Amino acid sequence: MPRCGASKASRIAKRHQYDCDSCRYQFSVTAGTIFHDSHLPLWKWLLAVYMIAEAKKGVSANQLKRTLKVSYKTSWYLCHRIREAMKDPNPRP
């Protein structure tokens, strides 16, 4: 579980969320991931991740904007979050 570490949760079917049985915290499957707090469909996120990971020379936010048919602000946000998630936590000199 995202907060208390309990192993039991109940499903809230109408809202596509879960409810922790011990602390009553409500969360979704995207909680704690780069997809958290995003209203963009998951398939657009996954397509953006694929495009960024597959590109040899990188992908600009403008290219993502055109491909995914989203605003520049959204595509910049996607690039920022995906690149931050792909960053090496222990880089070697």
N, C-alpha and C. Protein backbone atom coordinates (compact mmCIF):
# COMPACT_ATOMS: atom_id res chain seq x y z
N MET A 1 0.83 -1.17 0.00
CA MET A 1 0.00 0.00 0.00
C MET A 1 0.89 1.26 0.00
N PRO A 2 0.43 2.28 -0.61
CA PRO A 2 1.24 3.49 -0.73
C PRO A 2 1.60 4.17 0.59
N ARG A 3 0.73 4.15 1.59
CA ARG A 3 1.01 4.91 2.82
C ARG A 3 1.46 4.06 3.99
N CYS A 4 0.61 3.16 4.44
CA CYS A 4 0.87 2.48 5.72
C CYS A 4 1.59 1.16 5.57
N GLY A 5 1.65 0.58 4.40
CA GLY A 5 2.33 -0.68 4.19
C GLY A 5 1.47 -1.90 4.47
N ALA A 6 0.19 -1.72 4.74
CA ALA A 6 -0.71 -2.85 4.98
C ALA A 6 -0.86 -3.66 3.70
N SER A 7 -1.27 -4.90 3.85
CA SER A 7 -1.35 -5.77 2.67
C SER A 7 -2.78 -6.02 2.20
N LYS A 8 -3.76 -5.39 2.82
CA LYS A 8 -5.15 -5.64 2.46
C LYS A 8 -5.82 -4.35 1.99
N ALA A 9 -6.49 -4.44 0.85
CA ALA A 9 -7.21 -3.29 0.31
C ALA A 9 -8.52 -3.77 -0.32
N SER A 10 -9.51 -2.90 -0.30
CA SER A 10 -10.80 -3.18 -0.93
C SER A 10 -10.91 -2.35 -2.20
N ARG A 11 -11.65 -2.87 -3.14
CA ARG A 11 -11.80 -2.18 -4.42
C ARG A 11 -13.04 -1.31 -4.41
N ILE A 12 -12.91 -0.09 -4.93
CA ILE A 12 -14.05 0.80 -5.13
C ILE A 12 -14.34 0.77 -6.63
N ALA A 13 -15.27 -0.05 -7.04
CA ALA A 13 -15.49 -0.32 -8.46
C ALA A 13 -15.97 0.90 -9.24
N LYS A 14 -16.84 1.71 -8.65
CA LYS A 14 -17.40 2.84 -9.38
C LYS A 14 -16.36 3.90 -9.70
N ARG A 15 -15.32 4.00 -8.88
CA ARG A 15 -14.32 5.06 -9.07
C ARG A 15 -12.98 4.54 -9.58
N HIS A 16 -12.86 3.24 -9.84
CA HIS A 16 -11.61 2.62 -10.29
C HIS A 16 -10.48 2.92 -9.31
N GLN A 17 -10.76 2.80 -8.03
CA GLN A 17 -9.78 3.05 -6.99
C GLN A 17 -9.82 1.93 -5.96
N TYR A 18 -8.86 2.01 -5.02
CA TYR A 18 -8.78 1.05 -3.92
C TYR A 18 -8.81 1.80 -2.60
N ASP A 19 -9.21 1.08 -1.55
CA ASP A 19 -9.34 1.65 -0.23
C ASP A 19 -8.58 0.75 0.74
N CYS A 20 -7.57 1.28 1.41
CA CYS A 20 -6.79 0.52 2.37
C CYS A 20 -7.67 0.15 3.56
N ASP A 21 -7.65 -1.12 3.95
CA ASP A 21 -8.52 -1.58 5.04
C ASP A 21 -8.06 -1.11 6.41
N SER A 22 -6.78 -0.75 6.56
CA SER A 22 -6.32 -0.33 7.89
C SER A 22 -6.35 1.18 8.07
N CYS A 23 -5.89 1.96 7.11
CA CYS A 23 -5.85 3.41 7.29
C CYS A 23 -6.91 4.16 6.49
N ARG A 24 -7.69 3.44 5.67
CA ARG A 24 -8.77 4.00 4.86
C ARG A 24 -8.30 4.97 3.78
N TYR A 25 -7.04 4.94 3.42
CA TYR A 25 -6.50 5.79 2.36
C TYR A 25 -6.98 5.27 1.02
N GLN A 26 -7.47 6.17 0.19
CA GLN A 26 -7.94 5.78 -1.14
C GLN A 26 -6.86 6.11 -2.16
N PHE A 27 -6.62 5.16 -3.07
CA PHE A 27 -5.57 5.33 -4.07
C PHE A 27 -5.93 4.57 -5.33
N SER A 28 -5.25 4.91 -6.40
CA SER A 28 -5.45 4.20 -7.67
C SER A 28 -4.19 3.43 -8.01
N VAL A 29 -4.24 2.67 -9.09
CA VAL A 29 -3.09 1.86 -9.48
C VAL A 29 -1.92 2.73 -9.96
N THR A 30 -2.19 3.98 -10.31
CA THR A 30 -1.11 4.86 -10.78
C THR A 30 -0.45 5.64 -9.65
N ALA A 31 -0.92 5.48 -8.42
CA ALA A 31 -0.35 6.20 -7.28
C ALA A 31 1.12 5.84 -7.11
N GLY A 32 1.96 6.87 -6.97
CA GLY A 32 3.39 6.65 -6.77
C GLY A 32 4.17 6.41 -8.05
N THR A 33 3.54 6.58 -9.21
CA THR A 33 4.22 6.39 -10.49
C THR A 33 4.28 7.73 -11.23
N ILE A 34 4.91 7.73 -12.39
CA ILE A 34 4.97 8.96 -13.18
C ILE A 34 3.61 9.32 -13.76
N PHE A 35 2.67 8.38 -13.76
CA PHE A 35 1.34 8.61 -14.31
C PHE A 35 0.39 9.22 -13.29
N HIS A 36 0.82 9.39 -12.05
CA HIS A 36 -0.04 9.89 -10.96
C HIS A 36 -0.48 11.33 -11.23
N ASP A 37 -1.70 11.64 -10.90
CA ASP A 37 -2.30 12.97 -11.05
C ASP A 37 -2.32 13.46 -12.50
N SER A 38 -2.54 12.56 -13.42
CA SER A 38 -2.62 12.94 -14.82
C SER A 38 -3.98 12.51 -15.38
N HIS A 39 -4.59 13.41 -16.13
CA HIS A 39 -5.88 13.09 -16.75
C HIS A 39 -5.69 12.57 -18.17
N LEU A 40 -4.46 12.48 -18.61
CA LEU A 40 -4.16 11.98 -19.94
C LEU A 40 -4.37 10.46 -19.97
N PRO A 41 -4.95 9.93 -21.03
CA PRO A 41 -5.15 8.48 -21.09
C PRO A 41 -3.81 7.74 -21.01
N LEU A 42 -3.84 6.57 -20.42
CA LEU A 42 -2.63 5.80 -20.20
C LEU A 42 -1.97 5.39 -21.52
N TRP A 43 -2.76 5.17 -22.57
CA TRP A 43 -2.17 4.78 -23.84
C TRP A 43 -1.32 5.90 -24.43
N LYS A 44 -1.68 7.16 -24.17
CA LYS A 44 -0.85 8.27 -24.65
C LYS A 44 0.46 8.34 -23.87
N TRP A 45 0.39 8.09 -22.56
CA TRP A 45 1.60 8.04 -21.75
C TRP A 45 2.54 6.95 -22.27
N LEU A 46 1.98 5.76 -22.51
CA LEU A 46 2.81 4.64 -22.94
C LEU A 46 3.39 4.87 -24.33
N LEU A 47 2.64 5.50 -25.21
CA LEU A 47 3.16 5.84 -26.52
C LEU A 47 4.30 6.85 -26.41
N ALA A 48 4.16 7.83 -25.52
CA ALA A 48 5.22 8.81 -25.31
C ALA A 48 6.47 8.16 -24.73
N VAL A 49 6.31 7.24 -23.78
CA VAL A 49 7.45 6.52 -23.21
C VAL A 49 8.15 5.72 -24.30
N TYR A 50 7.39 5.05 -25.14
CA TYR A 50 7.96 4.28 -26.24
C TYR A 50 8.73 5.18 -27.19
N MET A 51 8.14 6.30 -27.57
CA MET A 51 8.80 7.20 -28.52
C MET A 51 10.11 7.75 -27.96
N ILE A 52 10.11 8.12 -26.69
CA ILE A 52 11.31 8.68 -26.07
C ILE A 52 12.38 7.62 -25.90
N ALA A 53 11.99 6.42 -25.47
CA ALA A 53 12.96 5.35 -25.24
C ALA A 53 13.52 4.80 -26.55
N GLU A 54 12.73 4.81 -27.62
CA GLU A 54 13.12 4.22 -28.88
C GLU A 54 13.96 5.16 -29.75
N ALA A 55 13.81 6.46 -29.55
CA ALA A 55 14.48 7.43 -30.42
C ALA A 55 15.98 7.44 -30.18
N LYS A 56 16.72 7.41 -31.26
CA LYS A 56 18.18 7.40 -31.16
C LYS A 56 18.73 8.76 -30.74
N LYS A 57 18.14 9.83 -31.26
CA LYS A 57 18.64 11.18 -30.98
C LYS A 57 17.70 11.98 -30.09
N GLY A 58 16.71 11.35 -29.52
CA GLY A 58 15.78 12.06 -28.64
C GLY A 58 14.54 12.53 -29.37
N VAL A 59 13.55 12.92 -28.61
CA VAL A 59 12.28 13.40 -29.15
C VAL A 59 11.98 14.75 -28.52
N SER A 60 11.60 15.69 -29.34
CA SER A 60 11.26 17.02 -28.81
C SER A 60 9.81 17.03 -28.34
N ALA A 61 9.52 18.01 -27.51
CA ALA A 61 8.15 18.17 -27.04
C ALA A 61 7.22 18.52 -28.20
N ASN A 62 7.73 19.25 -29.17
CA ASN A 62 6.90 19.59 -30.34
C ASN A 62 6.53 18.35 -31.15
N GLN A 63 7.47 17.42 -31.28
CA GLN A 63 7.16 16.19 -32.01
C GLN A 63 6.12 15.36 -31.26
N LEU A 64 6.26 15.28 -29.94
CA LEU A 64 5.25 14.57 -29.15
C LEU A 64 3.89 15.24 -29.28
N LYS A 65 3.90 16.57 -29.29
CA LYS A 65 2.66 17.34 -29.42
C LYS A 65 1.94 16.98 -30.71
N ARG A 66 2.68 16.93 -31.80
CA ARG A 66 2.07 16.60 -33.09
C ARG A 66 1.60 15.15 -33.15
N THR A 67 2.39 14.23 -32.62
CA THR A 67 2.06 12.81 -32.70
C THR A 67 0.87 12.44 -31.81
N LEU A 68 0.88 12.95 -30.57
CA LEU A 68 -0.16 12.59 -29.62
C LEU A 68 -1.39 13.49 -29.69
N LYS A 69 -1.28 14.58 -30.46
CA LYS A 69 -2.37 15.56 -30.59
C LYS A 69 -2.78 16.13 -29.23
N VAL A 70 -1.76 16.65 -28.52
CA VAL A 70 -1.97 17.30 -27.22
C VAL A 70 -1.35 18.69 -27.30
N SER A 71 -1.54 19.49 -26.25
CA SER A 71 -0.96 20.83 -26.24
C SER A 71 0.55 20.75 -25.99
N TYR A 72 1.24 21.83 -26.27
CA TYR A 72 2.68 21.87 -26.04
C TYR A 72 2.98 21.73 -24.55
N LYS A 73 2.18 22.35 -23.73
CA LYS A 73 2.38 22.28 -22.28
C LYS A 73 2.29 20.82 -21.79
N THR A 74 1.32 20.08 -22.31
CA THR A 74 1.17 18.67 -21.94
C THR A 74 2.34 17.85 -22.43
N SER A 75 2.78 18.08 -23.66
CA SER A 75 3.89 17.30 -24.19
C SER A 75 5.20 17.63 -23.46
N TRP A 76 5.39 18.88 -23.08
CA TRP A 76 6.57 19.24 -22.30
C TRP A 76 6.54 18.54 -20.95
N TYR A 77 5.36 18.50 -20.32
CA TYR A 77 5.18 17.83 -19.04
C TYR A 77 5.50 16.34 -19.16
N LEU A 78 5.02 15.71 -20.23
CA LEU A 78 5.31 14.30 -20.47
C LEU A 78 6.82 14.06 -20.59
N CYS A 79 7.47 14.87 -21.41
CA CYS A 79 8.92 14.73 -21.60
C CYS A 79 9.66 14.89 -20.28
N HIS A 80 9.28 15.89 -19.52
CA HIS A 80 9.94 16.17 -18.26
C HIS A 80 9.81 14.99 -17.29
N ARG A 81 8.61 14.48 -17.13
CA ARG A 81 8.38 13.37 -16.21
C ARG A 81 9.05 12.08 -16.66
N ILE A 82 8.98 11.78 -17.95
CA ILE A 82 9.56 10.54 -18.46
C ILE A 82 11.08 10.59 -18.36
N ARG A 83 11.68 11.70 -18.74
CA ARG A 83 13.14 11.82 -18.64
C ARG A 83 13.62 11.75 -17.20
N GLU A 84 12.87 12.33 -16.29
CA GLU A 84 13.23 12.26 -14.87
C GLU A 84 13.16 10.82 -14.36
N ALA A 85 12.17 10.07 -14.82
CA ALA A 85 12.05 8.67 -14.40
C ALA A 85 13.15 7.80 -14.99
N MET A 86 13.67 8.19 -16.15
CA MET A 86 14.71 7.40 -16.82
C MET A 86 16.11 7.75 -16.35
N LYS A 87 16.22 8.77 -15.52
CA LYS A 87 17.53 9.22 -15.07
C LYS A 87 18.21 8.16 -14.21
N ASP A 88 19.52 7.99 -14.41
CA ASP A 88 20.29 7.01 -13.64
C ASP A 88 20.51 7.55 -12.23
N PRO A 89 20.09 6.79 -11.18
CA PRO A 89 20.25 7.30 -9.81
C PRO A 89 21.70 7.33 -9.33
N ASN A 90 22.55 6.50 -9.89
CA ASN A 90 23.96 6.45 -9.49
C ASN A 90 24.86 6.57 -10.71
N PRO A 91 24.98 7.77 -11.27
CA PRO A 91 25.81 7.91 -12.48
C PRO A 91 27.30 7.76 -12.16
N ARG A 92 28.02 7.16 -13.09
CA ARG A 92 29.47 7.01 -12.93
C ARG A 92 30.16 8.11 -13.73
N PRO A 93 31.29 8.62 -13.20
CA PRO A 93 32.02 9.67 -13.94
C PRO A 93 32.67 9.12 -15.19
